[in-house]
Amino acid sequence: MQHAAQQVRREEENKGVAFFAVGVDKANMATLAEISVRQPLKLRGLAFRELFVWLSASMQRVSGSKPGDQVPLPPTGWSEI
């Protein structure tokens, strides 16, 4: 797991990926937090459809941007605090 966490951080720093950890049901959120640069989010119930609609909308925003731009992502209506 430590190797995976290092790779995620390295790729995030190099702007190679934007990694989002999402936990379901009884996920170990502390473990997800060790892997992810961002705070992991917990899926609200079985809101997979909403998660993938959000992912699609986010990718549309990013694909329309220029390299290096800060792109505001839509709010996550599929997660819980």
Protein backbone atom coordinates (compact mmCIF):
# COMPACT_ATOMS: atom_id res chain seq x y z
CA MET A 1 0.00 0.00 0.00
CA GLN A 2 2.85 2.40 0.79
CA HIS A 3 4.25 1.97 -2.71
CA ALA A 4 0.83 2.73 -4.23
CA ALA A 5 0.46 5.82 -2.02
CA GLN A 6 3.90 7.07 -3.12
CA GLN A 7 3.00 6.57 -6.77
CA VAL A 8 -0.28 8.46 -6.35
CA ARG A 9 1.49 11.38 -4.67
CA ARG A 10 4.24 11.44 -7.30
CA GLU A 11 1.74 11.43 -10.17
CA GLU A 12 -0.35 14.13 -8.45
CA GLU A 13 2.76 16.31 -8.04
CA ASN A 14 3.68 15.81 -11.70
CA LYS A 15 0.10 16.63 -12.74
CA GLY A 16 -0.17 13.17 -14.29
CA VAL A 17 -3.40 12.23 -12.50
CA ALA A 18 -6.05 13.62 -10.21
CA PHE A 19 -6.75 10.80 -7.76
CA PHE A 20 -10.04 10.76 -5.86
CA ALA A 21 -10.63 8.08 -3.22
CA VAL A 22 -14.25 7.05 -2.70
CA GLY A 23 -15.30 4.69 0.06
CA VAL A 24 -18.46 2.62 0.18
CA ASP A 25 -20.40 1.10 3.05
CA LYS A 26 -17.82 -0.05 5.62
CA ALA A 27 -14.71 1.23 3.83
CA ASN A 28 -11.67 2.01 5.93
CA MET A 29 -11.57 5.76 5.33
CA ALA A 30 -8.30 6.11 7.28
CA THR A 31 -6.57 3.75 4.85
CA LEU A 32 -8.02 5.63 1.87
CA ALA A 33 -6.72 8.88 3.39
CA GLU A 34 -3.20 7.38 3.49
CA ILE A 35 -3.34 6.69 -0.25
CA SER A 36 -5.05 9.84 -1.48
CA VAL A 37 -3.77 13.42 -1.56
CA ARG A 38 -7.35 14.69 -1.17
CA GLN A 39 -9.69 13.83 1.66
CA PRO A 40 -11.54 10.64 0.67
CA LEU A 41 -15.27 10.93 0.22
CA LYS A 42 -17.85 8.39 1.27
CA LEU A 43 -20.50 7.36 -1.23
CA ARG A 44 -23.98 8.14 0.06
CA GLY A 45 -25.84 4.83 0.03
CA LEU A 46 -25.80 3.34 -3.45
CA ALA A 47 -25.47 6.63 -5.35
CA PHE A 48 -23.18 5.13 -8.00
CA ARG A 49 -25.20 6.71 -10.81
CA GLU A 50 -24.75 10.18 -9.30
CA LEU A 51 -21.02 9.50 -8.81
CA PHE A 52 -20.56 8.64 -12.49
CA VAL A 53 -22.67 11.60 -13.65
CA TRP A 54 -20.41 13.83 -11.52
CA LEU A 55 -17.32 12.16 -12.95
CA SER A 56 -18.56 12.73 -16.50
CA ALA A 57 -19.38 16.40 -15.81
CA SER A 58 -15.97 16.87 -14.18
CA MET A 59 -14.18 15.36 -17.15
CA GLN A 60 -16.11 17.64 -19.53
CA ARG A 61 -14.89 20.67 -17.58
CA VAL A 62 -11.30 19.45 -17.49
CA SER A 63 -11.22 18.46 -21.16
CA GLY A 64 -12.31 21.98 -22.12
CA SER A 65 -9.48 23.59 -20.16
CA LYS A 66 -5.88 24.42 -21.00
CA PRO A 67 -2.97 22.53 -19.39
CA GLY A 68 -2.15 24.05 -16.01
CA ASP A 69 -5.59 25.66 -15.56
CA GLN A 70 -7.30 25.34 -12.18
CA VAL A 71 -10.70 23.84 -13.00
CA PRO A 72 -13.53 24.12 -10.47
CA LEU A 73 -15.35 20.80 -10.27
CA PRO A 74 -19.11 20.50 -9.80
CA PRO A 75 -20.38 19.87 -6.26
CA THR A 76 -20.55 16.25 -5.15
CA GLY A 77 -24.19 15.49 -4.49
CA TRP A 78 -23.36 11.81 -4.20
CA SER A 79 -21.17 11.96 -1.07
CA GLU A 80 -21.79 12.31 2.62
CA ILE A 81 -19.74 14.10 5.26
